[in-house]
């Protein structure tokens, strides 16, 4: 099987899964939270065990404490997946707001360049998106946010792979 065909199939698969995720974003959001909880448990356990092997008392204590915090977060996400989903959605909202504010500040440093308006608009849109998430958190948006973002990313990734495969096919001819 040629490389371009593999990319095409992977892209189409990503598009199909993106549509499935967008059809059930709350289920996908909870699945993301459960997966995050599992990964936090694994990495927290490894971090705590690794804390015993490092040199220096402070490094040892910090390693063990960080591992225990990660274990607690992982357990919390698995024991309470809906609350964990809301927590992760809040983190995403905060990251959107922080990124938007940073881009707005950066845009004013580019005031005399052609990049001022695109950077300002990008920052403002991120800030507006964070505000929209905050305003609609009670309407269930927070529960479906992670699933919606994952579905959109899977669609974009799938279309990107399809276009890359078609480019590879035309370039090989």
C-alpha atoms as a PDB file:
ATOM      1  CA  UNK A   1       0.000   0.000   0.000  1.00  0.00           C
ATOM      2  CA  UNK A   2       1.434   3.368  -0.971  1.00  0.00           C
ATOM      3  CA  UNK A   3       2.143   6.127   1.550  1.00  0.00           C
ATOM      4  CA  UNK A   4      -0.393   8.538   0.088  1.00  0.00           C
ATOM      5  CA  UNK A   5      -3.136   5.908   0.365  1.00  0.00           C
ATOM      6  CA  UNK A   6      -2.253   5.248   4.008  1.00  0.00           C
ATOM      7  CA  UNK A   7      -2.500   8.973   4.734  1.00  0.00           C
ATOM      8  CA  UNK A   8      -5.800   9.173   2.871  1.00  0.00           C
ATOM      9  CA  UNK A   9      -7.287   6.306   4.879  1.00  0.00           C
ATOM     10  CA  UNK A  10      -6.006   7.768   8.138  1.00  0.00           C
ATOM     11  CA  UNK A  11      -7.489  11.142   7.221  1.00  0.00           C
ATOM     12  CA  UNK A  12     -10.860   9.629   6.353  1.00  0.00           C
ATOM     13  CA  UNK A  13     -10.830   7.659   9.612  1.00  0.00           C
ATOM     14  CA  UNK A  14     -10.067  10.837  11.547  1.00  0.00           C
ATOM     15  CA  UNK A  15     -12.969  12.619   9.821  1.00  0.00           C
ATOM     16  CA  UNK A  16     -15.356   9.775  10.648  1.00  0.00           C
ATOM     17  CA  UNK A  17     -14.300   9.729  14.310  1.00  0.00           C
ATOM     18  CA  UNK A  18     -14.519  13.533  14.433  1.00  0.00           C
ATOM     19  CA  UNK A  19     -18.144  13.341  13.295  1.00  0.00           C
ATOM     20  CA  UNK A  20     -18.859  10.605  15.856  1.00  0.00           C
ATOM     21  CA  UNK A  21     -17.285  12.690  18.640  1.00  0.00           C
ATOM     22  CA  UNK A  22     -19.264  15.767  17.599  1.00  0.00           C
ATOM     23  CA  UNK A  23     -22.455  13.687  17.656  1.00  0.00           C
ATOM     24  CA  UNK A  24     -21.872  12.836  21.345  1.00  0.00           C
ATOM     25  CA  UNK A  25     -19.615  15.569  22.796  1.00  0.00           C
ATOM     26  CA  UNK A  26     -20.558  14.992  26.446  1.00  0.00           C
ATOM     27  CA  UNK A  27     -19.641  11.304  26.201  1.00  0.00           C
ATOM     28  CA  UNK A  28     -16.367  12.263  24.519  1.00  0.00           C
ATOM     29  CA  UNK A  29     -15.670  14.878  27.212  1.00  0.00           C
ATOM     30  CA  UNK A  30     -16.184  12.340  29.981  1.00  0.00           C
ATOM     31  CA  UNK A  31     -13.994   9.841  28.096  1.00  0.00           C
ATOM     32  CA  UNK A  32     -11.252  12.490  27.889  1.00  0.00           C
ATOM     33  CA  UNK A  33     -11.580  13.059  31.636  1.00  0.00           C
ATOM     34  CA  UNK A  34     -11.376   9.327  32.397  1.00  0.00           C
ATOM     35  CA  UNK A  35      -8.339   8.962  30.152  1.00  0.00           C
ATOM     36  CA  UNK A  36      -6.735  11.973  31.844  1.00  0.00           C
ATOM     37  CA  UNK A  37      -7.435  10.381  35.223  1.00  0.00           C
ATOM     38  CA  UNK A  38      -5.804   7.106  34.167  1.00  0.00           C
ATOM     39  CA  UNK A  39      -2.757   8.928  32.809  1.00  0.00           C
ATOM     40  CA  UNK A  40      -2.484  10.994  35.999  1.00  0.00           C
ATOM     41  CA  UNK A  41      -2.628   7.818  38.108  1.00  0.00           C
ATOM     42  CA  UNK A  42       0.101   6.154  36.071  1.00  0.00           C
ATOM     43  CA  UNK A  43       2.378   9.199  35.953  1.00  0.00           C
ATOM     44  CA  UNK A  44       1.688  10.039  39.595  1.00  0.00           C
ATOM     45  CA  UNK A  45       2.634   6.543  40.685  1.00  0.00           C
ATOM     46  CA  UNK A  46       5.808   6.633  38.617  1.00  0.00           C
ATOM     47  CA  UNK A  47       6.627  10.125  39.927  1.00  0.00           C
ATOM     48  CA  UNK A  48       6.142   9.046  43.546  1.00  0.00           C
ATOM     49  CA  UNK A  49       8.276   5.932  43.064  1.00  0.00           C
ATOM     50  CA  UNK A  50      10.880   7.989  41.211  1.00  0.00           C
ATOM     51  CA  UNK A  51      10.962  10.441  44.103  1.00  0.00           C
ATOM     52  CA  UNK A  52      12.570   7.778  46.280  1.00  0.00           C
ATOM     53  CA  UNK A  53      15.446   7.324  43.835  1.00  0.00           C
ATOM     54  CA  UNK A  54      16.606  10.936  43.435  1.00  0.00           C
ATOM     55  CA  UNK A  55      19.489  12.482  45.318  1.00  0.00           C
ATOM     56  CA  UNK A  56      18.949  15.198  47.902  1.00  0.00           C
ATOM     57  CA  UNK A  57      16.288  15.451  50.579  1.00  0.00           C
ATOM     58  CA  UNK A  58      14.452  18.383  48.975  1.00  0.00           C
ATOM     59  CA  UNK A  59      14.314  16.709  45.553  1.00  0.00           C
ATOM     60  CA  UNK A  60      13.125  13.490  47.168  1.00  0.00           C
ATOM     61  CA  UNK A  61      10.325  15.241  49.069  1.00  0.00           C
ATOM     62  CA  UNK A  62       9.259  17.315  46.044  1.00  0.00           C
ATOM     63  CA  UNK A  63       9.204  14.251  43.793  1.00  0.00           C
ATOM     64  CA  UNK A  64       7.107  12.247  46.223  1.00  0.00           C
ATOM     65  CA  UNK A  65       4.709  15.148  46.924  1.00  0.00           C
ATOM     66  CA  UNK A  66       4.216  15.849  43.205  1.00  0.00           C
ATOM     67  CA  UNK A  67       3.552  12.161  42.624  1.00  0.00           C
ATOM     68  CA  UNK A  68       0.985  12.081  45.422  1.00  0.00           C
ATOM     69  CA  UNK A  69      -0.752  15.194  44.055  1.00  0.00           C
ATOM     70  CA  UNK A  70      -0.944  13.610  40.608  1.00  0.00           C
ATOM     71  CA  UNK A  71      -2.282  10.373  42.150  1.00  0.00           C
ATOM     72  CA  UNK A  72      -4.946  12.362  44.001  1.00  0.00           C
ATOM     73  CA  UNK A  73      -5.957  14.249  40.834  1.00  0.00           C
ATOM     74  CA  UNK A  74      -6.138  11.010  38.854  1.00  0.00           C
ATOM     75  CA  UNK A  75      -8.251   9.350  41.520  1.00  0.00           C
ATOM     76  CA  UNK A  76     -10.467  12.430  41.702  1.00  0.00           C
ATOM     77  CA  UNK A  77     -11.031  12.463  37.928  1.00  0.00           C
ATOM     78  CA  UNK A  78     -11.901   8.762  37.932  1.00  0.00           C
ATOM     79  CA  UNK A  79     -14.123   8.929  41.019  1.00  0.00           C
ATOM     80  CA  UNK A  80     -15.983  12.047  39.834  1.00  0.00           C
ATOM     81  CA  UNK A  81     -15.733  12.231  36.029  1.00  0.00           C
ATOM     82  CA  UNK A  82     -18.409  14.920  35.560  1.00  0.00           C
ATOM     83  CA  UNK A  83     -16.740  17.242  38.045  1.00  0.00           C
ATOM     84  CA  UNK A  84     -13.395  16.431  36.432  1.00  0.00           C
ATOM     85  CA  UNK A  85     -14.832  17.345  33.044  1.00  0.00           C
ATOM     86  CA  UNK A  86     -15.962  20.703  34.447  1.00  0.00           C
ATOM     87  CA  UNK A  87     -12.496  21.211  35.938  1.00  0.00           C
ATOM     88  CA  UNK A  88     -10.782  20.489  32.624  1.00  0.00           C
ATOM     89  CA  UNK A  89     -13.250  22.761  30.793  1.00  0.00           C
ATOM     90  CA  UNK A  90     -12.443  25.522  33.283  1.00  0.00           C
ATOM     91  CA  UNK A  91      -8.736  25.029  32.643  1.00  0.00           C
ATOM     92  CA  UNK A  92      -9.364  25.272  28.880  1.00  0.00           C
ATOM     93  CA  UNK A  93     -11.378  28.458  29.420  1.00  0.00           C
ATOM     94  CA  UNK A  94      -8.572  29.971  31.503  1.00  0.00           C
ATOM     95  CA  UNK A  95      -6.023  29.037  28.831  1.00  0.00           C
ATOM     96  CA  UNK A  96      -8.175  30.662  26.120  1.00  0.00           C
ATOM     97  CA  UNK A  97      -8.464  33.829  28.221  1.00  0.00           C
ATOM     98  CA  UNK A  98      -4.745  33.918  29.067  1.00  0.00           C
ATOM     99  CA  UNK A  99      -3.757  33.322  25.440  1.00  0.00           C
ATOM    100  CA  UNK A 100      -6.160  36.006  24.279  1.00  0.00           C
ATOM    101  CA  UNK A 101      -4.846  38.548  26.767  1.00  0.00           C
ATOM    102  CA  UNK A 102      -1.250  37.698  25.843  1.00  0.00           C
ATOM    103  CA  UNK A 103      -1.968  38.146  22.119  1.00  0.00           C
ATOM    104  CA  UNK A 104      -3.758  41.456  22.727  1.00  0.00           C
ATOM    105  CA  UNK A 105      -0.778  42.758  24.708  1.00  0.00           C
ATOM    106  CA  UNK A 106       1.605  41.470  22.038  1.00  0.00           C
ATOM    107  CA  UNK A 107      -0.466  43.133  19.307  1.00  0.00           C
ATOM    108  CA  UNK A 108       0.146  46.560  20.830  1.00  0.00           C
ATOM    109  CA  UNK A 109       3.870  45.897  20.627  1.00  0.00           C
ATOM    110  CA  UNK A 110       3.317  45.319  16.891  1.00  0.00           C
ATOM    111  CA  UNK A 111       1.257  48.496  16.472  1.00  0.00           C
ATOM    112  CA  UNK A 112       3.215  49.868  13.520  1.00  0.00           C
ATOM    113  CA  UNK A 113       3.365  46.595  11.607  1.00  0.00           C
ATOM    114  CA  UNK A 114       1.011  44.720   9.312  1.00  0.00           C
ATOM    115  CA  UNK A 115       0.550  42.105  12.044  1.00  0.00           C
ATOM    116  CA  UNK A 116      -1.207  44.419  14.530  1.00  0.00           C
ATOM    117  CA  UNK A 117      -4.811  43.826  13.434  1.00  0.00           C
ATOM    118  CA  UNK A 118      -4.594  40.051  12.886  1.00  0.00           C
ATOM    119  CA  UNK A 119      -2.934  39.601  16.276  1.00  0.00           C
ATOM    120  CA  UNK A 120      -5.432  41.911  17.998  1.00  0.00           C
ATOM    121  CA  UNK A 121      -8.414  40.159  16.397  1.00  0.00           C
ATOM    122  CA  UNK A 122      -6.993  36.728  17.261  1.00  0.00           C
ATOM    123  CA  UNK A 123      -6.560  37.733  20.889  1.00  0.00           C
ATOM    124  CA  UNK A 124      -9.990  39.329  21.068  1.00  0.00           C
ATOM    125  CA  UNK A 125     -11.651  36.225  19.595  1.00  0.00           C
ATOM    126  CA  UNK A 126      -9.918  33.981  22.147  1.00  0.00           C
ATOM    127  CA  UNK A 127     -11.031  36.292  24.928  1.00  0.00           C
ATOM    128  CA  UNK A 128     -14.597  36.329  23.576  1.00  0.00           C
ATOM    129  CA  UNK A 129     -14.554  32.522  23.346  1.00  0.00           C
ATOM    130  CA  UNK A 130     -13.466  32.307  26.992  1.00  0.00           C
ATOM    131  CA  UNK A 131     -16.265  34.713  27.919  1.00  0.00           C
ATOM    132  CA  UNK A 132     -18.772  32.664  25.942  1.00  0.00           C
ATOM    133  CA  UNK A 133     -17.680  29.500  27.749  1.00  0.00           C
ATOM    134  CA  UNK A 134     -17.964  31.276  31.113  1.00  0.00           C
ATOM    135  CA  UNK A 135     -21.405  32.704  30.279  1.00  0.00           C
ATOM    136  CA  UNK A 136     -22.763  29.349  29.106  1.00  0.00           C
ATOM    137  CA  UNK A 137     -21.098  27.090  31.663  1.00  0.00           C
ATOM    138  CA  UNK A 138     -24.442  26.526  33.389  1.00  0.00           C
ATOM    139  CA  UNK A 139     -26.118  25.668  30.084  1.00  0.00           C
ATOM    140  CA  UNK A 140     -24.129  22.462  29.702  1.00  0.00           C
ATOM    141  CA  UNK A 141     -21.496  23.898  27.384  1.00  0.00           C
ATOM    142  CA  UNK A 142     -18.739  23.113  29.872  1.00  0.00           C
ATOM    143  CA  UNK A 143     -19.676  19.432  29.867  1.00  0.00           C
ATOM    144  CA  UNK A 144     -19.483  19.197  26.090  1.00  0.00           C
ATOM    145  CA  UNK A 145     -16.593  21.629  25.515  1.00  0.00           C
ATOM    146  CA  UNK A 146     -13.769  19.089  25.516  1.00  0.00           C
ATOM    147  CA  UNK A 147     -15.682  16.776  23.182  1.00  0.00           C
ATOM    148  CA  UNK A 148     -16.489  19.628  20.793  1.00  0.00           C
ATOM    149  CA  UNK A 149     -12.852  20.742  20.719  1.00  0.00           C
ATOM    150  CA  UNK A 150     -11.670  17.144  20.184  1.00  0.00           C
ATOM    151  CA  UNK A 151     -14.201  16.593  17.391  1.00  0.00           C
ATOM    152  CA  UNK A 152     -13.208  19.812  15.625  1.00  0.00           C
ATOM    153  CA  UNK A 153      -9.526  18.947  15.948  1.00  0.00           C
ATOM    154  CA  UNK A 154     -10.151  15.473  14.544  1.00  0.00           C
ATOM    155  CA  UNK A 155     -12.011  16.983  11.569  1.00  0.00           C
ATOM    156  CA  UNK A 156      -9.229  19.517  10.899  1.00  0.00           C
ATOM    157  CA  UNK A 157      -6.601  16.794  11.282  1.00  0.00           C
ATOM    158  CA  UNK A 158      -8.517  14.481   8.961  1.00  0.00           C
ATOM    159  CA  UNK A 159      -8.950  17.096   6.250  1.00  0.00           C
ATOM    160  CA  UNK A 160      -5.277  18.029   6.590  1.00  0.00           C
ATOM    161  CA  UNK A 161      -4.260  14.396   6.129  1.00  0.00           C
ATOM    162  CA  UNK A 162      -6.565  13.977   3.131  1.00  0.00           C
ATOM    163  CA  UNK A 163      -5.124  17.078   1.457  1.00  0.00           C
ATOM    164  CA  UNK A 164      -1.560  15.980   2.282  1.00  0.00           C
ATOM    165  CA  UNK A 165      -2.232  12.552   0.776  1.00  0.00           C
ATOM    166  CA  UNK A 166      -3.664  14.064  -2.403  1.00  0.00           C
ATOM    167  CA  UNK A 167      -0.618  16.333  -2.637  1.00  0.00           C
ATOM    168  CA  UNK A 168       1.706  13.339  -2.189  1.00  0.00           C
ATOM    169  CA  UNK A 169      -0.170  11.440  -4.905  1.00  0.00           C
ATOM    170  CA  UNK A 170       0.042  14.325  -7.373  1.00  0.00           C
ATOM    171  CA  UNK A 171       3.716  14.998  -6.532  1.00  0.00           C
ATOM    172  CA  UNK A 172       4.678  11.378  -7.167  1.00  0.00           C
ATOM    173  CA  UNK A 173       3.278  11.465 -10.699  1.00  0.00           C
END
